C-alpha atoms as a PDB file:
ATOM      1  CA  MET A   1      -0.011  -0.003   0.006  1.00  0.00           C
ATOM      2  CA  ALA A   2       2.817   2.399   0.880  1.00  0.00           C
ATOM      3  CA  ILE A   3       4.484   1.759  -2.502  1.00  0.00           C
ATOM      4  CA  LEU A   4       1.173   2.366  -4.284  1.00  0.00           C
ATOM      5  CA  LEU A   5       0.645   5.679  -2.485  1.00  0.00           C
ATOM      6  CA  PHE A   6       4.249   6.675  -3.182  1.00  0.00           C
ATOM      7  CA  ASN A   7       4.068   5.879  -6.912  1.00  0.00           C
ATOM      8  CA  HIS A   8       0.662   7.284  -7.716  1.00  0.00           C
ATOM      9  CA  TYR A   9      -0.569   9.628  -5.002  1.00  0.00           C
ATOM     10  CA  THR A  10       2.449  11.622  -3.938  1.00  0.00           C
ATOM     11  CA  PRO A  11       2.773  14.528  -6.385  1.00  0.00           C
ATOM     12  CA  HIS A  12       5.452  16.461  -4.514  1.00  0.00           C
ATOM     13  CA  LEU A  13       8.283  14.153  -3.528  1.00  0.00           C
ATOM     14  CA  ASN A  14      10.954  15.459  -1.208  1.00  0.00           C
ATOM     15  CA  LEU A  15      14.007  14.225   0.678  1.00  0.00           C
ATOM     16  CA  TYR A  16      12.043  13.295   3.805  1.00  0.00           C
ATOM     17  CA  ILE A  17       9.568  11.148   1.827  1.00  0.00           C
ATOM     18  CA  TYR A  18      12.349   9.399  -0.071  1.00  0.00           C
ATOM     19  CA  ASN A  19      14.260   8.698   3.151  1.00  0.00           C
ATOM     20  CA  THR A  20      11.163   7.269   4.782  1.00  0.00           C
ATOM     21  CA  MET A  21      10.461   4.939   1.860  1.00  0.00           C
ATOM     22  CA  ILE A  22      14.070   3.755   1.504  1.00  0.00           C
ATOM     23  CA  ASN A  23      14.250   2.982   5.203  1.00  0.00           C
ATOM     24  CA  ALA A  24      10.933   1.105   4.987  1.00  0.00           C
ATOM     25  CA  LEU A  25      12.178  -0.963   2.011  1.00  0.00           C
ATOM     26  CA  SER A  26      15.618  -1.655   3.469  1.00  0.00           C
ATOM     27  CA  PHE A  27      14.776  -5.349   3.827  1.00  0.00           C
ATOM     28  CA  LEU A  28      14.012  -5.540   0.057  1.00  0.00           C
ATOM     29  CA  MET A  29      17.440  -4.787  -1.412  1.00  0.00           C
ATOM     30  CA  ASN A  30      16.404  -4.607  -5.088  1.00  0.00           C
ATOM     31  CA  GLN A  31      13.489  -2.274  -4.417  1.00  0.00           C
ATOM     32  CA  SER A  32      15.496  -0.040  -2.106  1.00  0.00           C
ATOM     33  CA  PHE A  33      18.349   0.279  -4.664  1.00  0.00           C
ATOM     34  CA  THR A  34      15.845   1.038  -7.426  1.00  0.00           C
ATOM     35  CA  LEU A  35      14.170   3.702  -5.333  1.00  0.00           C
ATOM     36  CA  TYR A  36      17.525   5.162  -4.334  1.00  0.00           C
ATOM     37  CA  ASN A  37      18.626   5.422  -7.983  1.00  0.00           C
ATOM     38  CA  SER A  38      15.345   7.130  -8.906  1.00  0.00           C
ATOM     39  CA  MET A  39      16.044   9.593  -6.134  1.00  0.00           C
ATOM     40  CA  LEU A  40      19.214  10.657  -7.953  1.00  0.00           C
ATOM     41  CA  HIS A  41      17.146  12.601 -10.467  1.00  0.00           C
ATOM     42  CA  PRO A  42      19.169  15.471 -11.983  1.00  0.00           C
ATOM     43  CA  SER A  43      16.781  18.110 -10.633  1.00  0.00           C
ATOM     44  CA  LEU A  44      17.064  16.840  -7.063  1.00  0.00           C
ATOM     45  CA  LEU A  45      20.818  16.471  -7.317  1.00  0.00           C
ATOM     46  CA  TYR A  46      21.042  19.944  -8.780  1.00  0.00           C
ATOM     47  CA  LEU A  47      19.401  21.350  -5.651  1.00  0.00           C
ATOM     48  CA  VAL A  48      21.734  19.388  -3.395  1.00  0.00           C
ATOM     49  CA  ILE A  49      24.901  20.312  -5.286  1.00  0.00           C
ATOM     50  CA  TYR A  50      23.727  23.926  -5.664  1.00  0.00           C
ATOM     51  CA  SER A  51      23.321  24.219  -1.906  1.00  0.00           C
ATOM     52  CA  LEU A  52      26.792  22.723  -1.306  1.00  0.00           C
ATOM     53  CA  GLN A  53      28.464  24.945  -3.893  1.00  0.00           C
ATOM     54  CA  PHE A  54      27.223  27.909  -1.900  1.00  0.00           C
ATOM     55  CA  HIS A  55      28.538  26.316   1.297  1.00  0.00           C
ATOM     56  CA  ALA A  56      25.150  25.517   2.833  1.00  0.00           C
ATOM     57  CA  PRO A  57      26.182  23.435   5.881  1.00  0.00           C
ATOM     58  CA  VAL A  58      25.113  19.797   5.892  1.00  0.00           C
ATOM     59  CA  ARG A  59      23.872  20.179   9.452  1.00  0.00           C
ATOM     60  CA  HIS A  60      21.145  22.575   8.199  1.00  0.00           C
ATOM     61  CA  MET A  61      19.534  19.844   6.100  1.00  0.00           C
ATOM     62  CA  PRO A  62      16.005  18.968   7.322  1.00  0.00           C
ATOM     63  CA  VAL A  63      16.832  15.243   7.577  1.00  0.00           C
ATOM     64  CA  LEU A  64      20.317  14.495   8.822  1.00  0.00           C
ATOM     65  CA  ASP A  65      20.869  10.747   8.467  1.00  0.00           C
ATOM     66  CA  ALA A  66      22.931   8.255   6.469  1.00  0.00           C
ATOM     67  CA  VAL A  67      20.571   8.395   3.488  1.00  0.00           C
ATOM     68  CA  SER A  68      20.931  12.162   3.254  1.00  0.00           C
ATOM     69  CA  PHE A  69      24.700  11.902   3.214  1.00  0.00           C
ATOM     70  CA  ASN A  70      24.573   9.044   0.706  1.00  0.00           C
ATOM     71  CA  ILE A  71      22.565  11.169  -1.743  1.00  0.00           C
ATOM     72  CA  MET A  72      25.252  13.832  -1.704  1.00  0.00           C
ATOM     73  CA  ILE A  73      28.231  11.454  -1.652  1.00  0.00           C
ATOM     74  CA  VAL A  74      26.953   9.475  -4.648  1.00  0.00           C
ATOM     75  CA  GLY A  75      25.779  12.679  -6.353  1.00  0.00           C
ATOM     76  CA  TYR A  76      29.187  14.288  -6.053  1.00  0.00           C
ATOM     77  CA  ALA A  77      30.980  11.104  -7.113  1.00  0.00           C
ATOM     78  CA  LYS A  78      28.815  10.640 -10.219  1.00  0.00           C
ATOM     79  CA  ARG A  79      29.581  14.215 -11.296  1.00  0.00           C
ATOM     80  CA  GLY A  80      33.305  14.051 -10.709  1.00  0.00           C
ATOM     81  CA  TYR A  81      33.503  15.916  -7.390  1.00  0.00           C
ATOM     82  CA  SER A  82      35.548  13.136  -5.842  1.00  0.00           C
ATOM     83  CA  LEU A  83      37.364  15.133  -3.126  1.00  0.00           C
ATOM     84  CA  GLU A  84      34.088  16.632  -1.991  1.00  0.00           C
ATOM     85  CA  ALA A  85      32.542  13.175  -1.793  1.00  0.00           C
ATOM     86  CA  LEU A  86      35.429  11.943   0.392  1.00  0.00           C
ATOM     87  CA  GLU A  87      35.115  15.007   2.624  1.00  0.00           C
ATOM     88  CA  LEU A  88      31.398  14.334   3.087  1.00  0.00           C
ATOM     89  CA  PHE A  89      32.214  10.748   4.064  1.00  0.00           C
ATOM     90  CA  ARG A  90      34.682  12.024   6.695  1.00  0.00           C
ATOM     91  CA  GLU A  91      31.985  14.348   8.090  1.00  0.00           C
ATOM     92  CA  MET A  92      29.410  11.530   8.002  1.00  0.00           C
ATOM     93  CA  VAL A  93      31.635   9.213  10.052  1.00  0.00           C
ATOM     94  CA  GLY A  94      32.545  12.091  12.362  1.00  0.00           C
ATOM     95  CA  LEU A  95      28.861  12.500  13.193  1.00  0.00           C
ATOM     96  CA  GLY A  96      28.659   8.838  14.184  1.00  0.00           C
ATOM     97  CA  LEU A  97      26.487   7.789  11.200  1.00  0.00           C
ATOM     98  CA  GLU A  98      26.928   4.257   9.893  1.00  0.00           C
ATOM     99  CA  PRO A  99      28.017   3.949   6.239  1.00  0.00           C
ATOM    100  CA  ASP A 100      26.272   1.333   4.066  1.00  0.00           C
ATOM    101  CA  GLU A 101      26.567  -0.145   0.571  1.00  0.00           C
ATOM    102  CA  PHE A 102      25.433   3.119  -1.048  1.00  0.00           C
ATOM    103  CA  THR A 103      28.132   5.072   0.768  1.00  0.00           C
ATOM    104  CA  ILE A 104      30.847   2.651  -0.279  1.00  0.00           C
ATOM    105  CA  VAL A 105      29.796   2.727  -3.928  1.00  0.00           C
ATOM    106  CA  GLY A 106      30.231   6.523  -3.837  1.00  0.00           C
ATOM    107  CA  LEU A 107      33.657   6.155  -2.228  1.00  0.00           C
ATOM    108  CA  LEU A 108      34.843   3.601  -4.778  1.00  0.00           C
ATOM    109  CA  VAL A 109      33.676   5.746  -7.699  1.00  0.00           C
ATOM    110  CA  SER A 110      35.629   8.629  -6.178  1.00  0.00           C
ATOM    111  CA  CYS A 111      38.764   6.517  -5.731  1.00  0.00           C
ATOM    112  CA  GLU A 112      38.550   5.380  -9.361  1.00  0.00           C
ATOM    113  CA  GLN A 113      38.140   8.934 -10.618  1.00  0.00           C
ATOM    114  CA  LEU A 114      41.123  10.089  -8.579  1.00  0.00           C
ATOM    115  CA  GLY A 115      43.175   7.172  -9.853  1.00  0.00           C
ATOM    116  CA  ASN A 116      43.957   6.326  -6.243  1.00  0.00           C
ATOM    117  CA  ALA A 117      44.081   2.516  -6.247  1.00  0.00           C
ATOM    118  CA  ARG A 118      45.732   2.447  -2.833  1.00  0.00           C
ATOM    119  CA  LEU A 119      42.803   4.296  -1.265  1.00  0.00           C
ATOM    120  CA  GLY A 120      40.367   2.015  -3.111  1.00  0.00           C
ATOM    121  CA  LYS A 121      42.094  -1.049  -1.710  1.00  0.00           C
ATOM    122  CA  SER A 122      41.920   0.487   1.765  1.00  0.00           C
ATOM    123  CA  VAL A 123      38.167   0.939   1.326  1.00  0.00           C
ATOM    124  CA  HIS A 124      37.897  -2.721   0.283  1.00  0.00           C
ATOM    125  CA  ALA A 125      39.890  -3.836   3.309  1.00  0.00           C
ATOM    126  CA  TRP A 126      37.669  -1.690   5.527  1.00  0.00           C
ATOM    127  CA  ILE A 127      34.580  -3.349   4.051  1.00  0.00           C
ATOM    128  CA  GLU A 128      35.895  -6.816   4.761  1.00  0.00           C
ATOM    129  CA  GLN A 129      36.453  -5.927   8.407  1.00  0.00           C
ATOM    130  CA  ARG A 130      32.857  -4.852   8.943  1.00  0.00           C
ATOM    131  CA  LYS A 131      29.978  -7.270   9.456  1.00  0.00           C
ATOM    132  CA  SER A 132      27.308  -4.749   8.433  1.00  0.00           C
ATOM    133  CA  ILE A 133      28.620  -4.405   4.832  1.00  0.00           C
ATOM    134  CA  SER A 134      29.413  -7.310   2.525  1.00  0.00           C
ATOM    135  CA  SER A 135      31.379  -7.143  -0.734  1.00  0.00           C
ATOM    136  CA  SER A 136      29.234 -10.074  -1.892  1.00  0.00           C
ATOM    137  CA  ASN A 137      26.481  -7.529  -2.614  1.00  0.00           C
ATOM    138  CA  LEU A 138      26.339  -7.457  -6.430  1.00  0.00           C
ATOM    139  CA  ILE A 139      26.230  -3.668  -6.843  1.00  0.00           C
ATOM    140  CA  LEU A 140      29.088  -3.204  -4.379  1.00  0.00           C
ATOM    141  CA  GLY A 141      30.979  -6.103  -5.953  1.00  0.00           C
ATOM    142  CA  ASN A 142      30.683  -4.501  -9.381  1.00  0.00           C
ATOM    143  CA  ALA A 143      31.949  -1.190  -8.022  1.00  0.00           C
ATOM    144  CA  LEU A 144      34.972  -2.958  -6.534  1.00  0.00           C
ATOM    145  CA  LEU A 145      35.581  -4.806  -9.830  1.00  0.00           C
ATOM    146  CA  ASP A 146      35.420  -1.572 -11.764  1.00  0.00           C
ATOM    147  CA  MET A 147      37.903  -0.021  -9.333  1.00  0.00           C
ATOM    148  CA  TYR A 148      40.326  -2.943  -9.785  1.00  0.00           C
ATOM    149  CA  VAL A 149      40.194  -2.973 -13.609  1.00  0.00           C
ATOM    150  CA  GLY A 150      43.298  -0.777 -13.713  1.00  0.00           C
ATOM    151  CA  GLU A 151      45.181  -3.802 -12.327  1.00  0.00           C
ATOM    152  CA  LEU A 152      43.783  -6.606 -14.443  1.00  0.00           C
ATOM    153  CA  ASP A 153      45.369  -9.498 -12.567  1.00  0.00           C
ATOM    154  CA  LEU A 154      43.679  -8.347  -9.360  1.00  0.00           C
ATOM    155  CA  ALA A 155      40.448  -7.574 -11.242  1.00  0.00           C
ATOM    156  CA  HIS A 156      40.328 -11.043 -12.808  1.00  0.00           C
ATOM    157  CA  THR A 157      41.017 -12.727  -9.460  1.00  0.00           C
ATOM    158  CA  PHE A 158      38.260 -10.679  -7.833  1.00  0.00           C
ATOM    159  CA  PHE A 159      35.926 -11.470 -10.732  1.00  0.00           C
ATOM    160  CA  ASP A 160      36.589 -15.225 -10.382  1.00  0.00           C
ATOM    161  CA  HIS A 161      35.688 -15.116  -6.707  1.00  0.00           C
ATOM    162  CA  MET A 162      32.539 -13.016  -7.027  1.00  0.00           C
ATOM    163  CA  PRO A 163      29.610 -15.079  -5.674  1.00  0.00           C
ATOM    164  CA  GLY A 164      27.314 -13.484  -8.280  1.00  0.00           C
ATOM    165  CA  ARG A 165      27.980 -11.807 -11.604  1.00  0.00           C
ATOM    166  CA  ASN A 166      25.800  -9.980 -14.098  1.00  0.00           C
ATOM    167  CA  LEU A 167      26.260  -8.385 -17.507  1.00  0.00           C
ATOM    168  CA  PHE A 168      27.915  -5.310 -15.984  1.00  0.00           C
ATOM    169  CA  SER A 169      30.521  -7.548 -14.281  1.00  0.00           C
ATOM    170  CA  TRP A 170      31.432  -9.275 -17.555  1.00  0.00           C
ATOM    171  CA  ASN A 171      31.522  -6.027 -19.522  1.00  0.00           C
ATOM    172  CA  SER A 172      33.818  -4.369 -16.965  1.00  0.00           C
ATOM    173  CA  LEU A 173      36.410  -7.129 -17.202  1.00  0.00           C
ATOM    174  CA  ILE A 174      36.103  -7.490 -20.967  1.00  0.00           C
ATOM    175  CA  SER A 175      36.498  -3.730 -21.414  1.00  0.00           C
ATOM    176  CA  GLY A 176      39.595  -3.755 -19.202  1.00  0.00           C
ATOM    177  CA  TYR A 177      41.313  -6.374 -21.362  1.00  0.00           C
ATOM    178  CA  SER A 178      40.271  -4.522 -24.506  1.00  0.00           C
ATOM    179  CA  GLN A 179      41.850  -1.289 -23.230  1.00  0.00           C
ATOM    180  CA  LYS A 180      45.024  -3.230 -22.434  1.00  0.00           C
ATOM    181  CA  GLY A 181      45.058  -4.631 -25.991  1.00  0.00           C
ATOM    182  CA  ASP A 182      44.708  -8.274 -24.932  1.00  0.00           C
ATOM    183  CA  TYR A 183      42.149  -9.092 -27.616  1.00  0.00           C
ATOM    184  CA  MET A 184      42.544 -12.849 -27.365  1.00  0.00           C
ATOM    185  CA  MET A 185      41.461 -12.651 -23.722  1.00  0.00           C
ATOM    186  CA  VAL A 186      38.507 -10.495 -24.821  1.00  0.00           C
ATOM    187  CA  MET A 187      37.436 -13.261 -27.237  1.00  0.00           C
ATOM    188  CA  SER A 188      37.936 -15.902 -24.535  1.00  0.00           C
ATOM    189  CA  LEU A 189      35.878 -13.997 -21.958  1.00  0.00           C
ATOM    190  CA  CYS A 190      33.049 -13.412 -24.452  1.00  0.00           C
ATOM    191  CA  ASN A 191      33.019 -17.153 -25.147  1.00  0.00           C
ATOM    192  CA  ASN A 192      32.866 -17.922 -21.398  1.00  0.00           C
ATOM    193  CA  MET A 193      30.135 -15.351 -21.040  1.00  0.00           C
ATOM    194  CA  ALA A 194      28.030 -17.209 -23.622  1.00  0.00           C
ATOM    195  CA  LEU A 195      28.724 -20.528 -21.889  1.00  0.00           C
ATOM    196  CA  ASN A 196      27.379 -18.986 -18.676  1.00  0.00           C
ATOM    197  CA  ASN A 197      24.157 -18.019 -20.518  1.00  0.00           C
ATOM    198  CA  VAL A 198      24.713 -14.281 -20.104  1.00  0.00           C
ATOM    199  CA  ARG A 199      23.185 -12.384 -22.997  1.00  0.00           C
ATOM    200  CA  PRO A 200      25.549  -9.704 -24.373  1.00  0.00           C
ATOM    201  CA  ASP A 201      24.444  -6.157 -25.019  1.00  0.00           C
ATOM    202  CA  SER A 202      25.630  -3.570 -27.574  1.00  0.00           C
ATOM    203  CA  VAL A 203      28.599  -2.680 -25.360  1.00  0.00           C
ATOM    204  CA  THR A 204      29.789  -6.298 -25.270  1.00  0.00           C
ATOM    205  CA  MET A 205      29.353  -6.713 -29.011  1.00  0.00           C
ATOM    206  CA  ALA A 206      31.134  -3.474 -29.828  1.00  0.00           C
ATOM    207  CA  ILE A 207      34.156  -4.535 -27.758  1.00  0.00           C
ATOM    208  CA  LEU A 208      34.075  -7.982 -29.391  1.00  0.00           C
ATOM    209  CA  VAL A 209      33.868  -6.489 -32.885  1.00  0.00           C
ATOM    210  CA  HIS A 210      36.772  -4.167 -32.087  1.00  0.00           C
ATOM    211  CA  ALA A 211      38.824  -7.113 -30.830  1.00  0.00           C
ATOM    212  CA  ALA A 212      38.120  -9.052 -34.034  1.00  0.00           C
ATOM    213  CA  ALA A 213      39.189  -6.053 -36.077  1.00  0.00           C
ATOM    214  CA  GLU A 214      42.447  -5.598 -34.179  1.00  0.00           C
ATOM    215  CA  ILE A 215      43.518  -9.246 -34.605  1.00  0.00           C
ATOM    216  CA  GLY A 216      42.636  -9.125 -38.298  1.00  0.00           C
ATOM    217  CA  GLY A 217      39.675 -11.439 -37.934  1.00  0.00           C
ATOM    218  CA  LEU A 218      37.541 -10.045 -40.755  1.00  0.00           C
ATOM    219  CA  GLU A 219      35.555 -13.270 -41.035  1.00  0.00           C
ATOM    220  CA  GLN A 220      35.002 -13.275 -37.269  1.00  0.00           C
ATOM    221  CA  GLY A 221      33.804  -9.706 -37.515  1.00  0.00           C
ATOM    222  CA  LYS A 222      31.265 -10.762 -40.154  1.00  0.00           C
ATOM    223  CA  LEU A 223      30.062 -13.601 -37.949  1.00  0.00           C
ATOM    224  CA  ILE A 224      29.634 -11.201 -35.039  1.00  0.00           C
ATOM    225  CA  HIS A 225      27.687  -8.833 -37.285  1.00  0.00           C
ATOM    226  CA  SER A 226      25.389 -11.658 -38.354  1.00  0.00           C
ATOM    227  CA  LEU A 227      24.912 -12.569 -34.680  1.00  0.00           C
ATOM    228  CA  VAL A 228      23.906  -8.967 -33.914  1.00  0.00           C
ATOM    229  CA  VAL A 229      21.296  -9.195 -36.692  1.00  0.00           C
ATOM    230  CA  ARG A 230      19.945 -12.555 -35.492  1.00  0.00           C
ATOM    231  CA  MET A 231      19.678 -11.290 -31.941  1.00  0.00           C
ATOM    232  CA  GLN A 232      17.763  -8.259 -33.254  1.00  0.00           C
ATOM    233  CA  MET A 233      20.074  -6.117 -31.208  1.00  0.00           C
ATOM    234  CA  LYS A 234      19.723  -2.358 -31.475  1.00  0.00           C
ATOM    235  CA  VAL A 235      22.790  -0.945 -33.207  1.00  0.00           C
ATOM    236  CA  ASP A 236      23.701   2.233 -31.364  1.00  0.00           C
ATOM    237  CA  ALA A 237      26.445   4.691 -32.370  1.00  0.00           C
ATOM    238  CA  PHE A 238      29.136   2.799 -30.426  1.00  0.00           C
ATOM    239  CA  LEU A 239      28.347  -0.595 -31.948  1.00  0.00           C
ATOM    240  CA  GLY A 240      27.711   0.851 -35.419  1.00  0.00           C
ATOM    241  CA  SER A 241      31.100   2.586 -35.390  1.00  0.00           C
ATOM    242  CA  ALA A 242      32.818  -0.678 -34.408  1.00  0.00           C
ATOM    243  CA  LEU A 243      31.077  -2.616 -37.206  1.00  0.00           C
ATOM    244  CA  ILE A 244      32.105  -0.013 -39.788  1.00  0.00           C
ATOM    245  CA  ASP A 245      35.686  -0.017 -38.502  1.00  0.00           C
ATOM    246  CA  THR A 246      35.824  -3.823 -38.825  1.00  0.00           C
ATOM    247  CA  SER A 247      34.690  -3.737 -42.437  1.00  0.00           C
ATOM    248  CA  ARG A 248      37.524  -1.330 -43.245  1.00  0.00           C
ATOM    249  CA  LYS A 249      40.249  -3.461 -41.687  1.00  0.00           C
ATOM    250  CA  PRO A 250      42.386  -5.446 -44.138  1.00  0.00           C
ATOM    251  CA  LYS A 251      42.259  -9.203 -43.725  1.00  0.00           C
ATOM    252  CA  MET A 252      45.307 -10.569 -41.877  1.00  0.00           C
ATOM    253  CA  GLU A 253      47.412 -12.736 -44.094  1.00  0.00           C
ATOM    254  CA  ASN A 254      48.714 -16.078 -42.832  1.00  0.00           C
END
């Protein structure tokens, strides 16, 4: 009933209402994450960031709890204000508020943007020491994987030990190997992905097409293109560009 009222009979949503609903749905992880993400609407984040840019103290917010801090930490992190996100975390802990999975995702995004792998590893170690937060959470696990992609050996080890993986997990690791230029590993991971019954998306296929082009696999590129057609996959600008690039590559001679 509360969800029905929230979705259809609450025309003027505010921070207090969102906090109340997220707290109420905390035992339903998927729904609480979905609601939290919907809360990060650009207009709401604009108001939060606007107030902080003009040095409106956090303590003057109408609802001062972990959710309020999380909104700003994740909001800053997603917009590249990494140092500000870390400072908010310091203030949050200083007030005695307990960080959760949302907080840690914001911290890991900030560490990745700063290129500070050492700090990211410290955050991971801190997570493992706490019983209230588990890195086995898929969203948090993906954030950790994304942070480790700069060190592919560590990323691959972490990936192999993840209790659950989704398309984002596979794409993160595949993209990391593609950026490194290890295209044979890209092809191998895509094959393993298919064996695990994970359906690729346009990002996966674009990386795979690019890998085929780089190793001179024109025929492989054509097979991938035909697979895209059979899967009725939407060809966006990223995938379309990769397909065009493949068709222009000369065939590698034996």
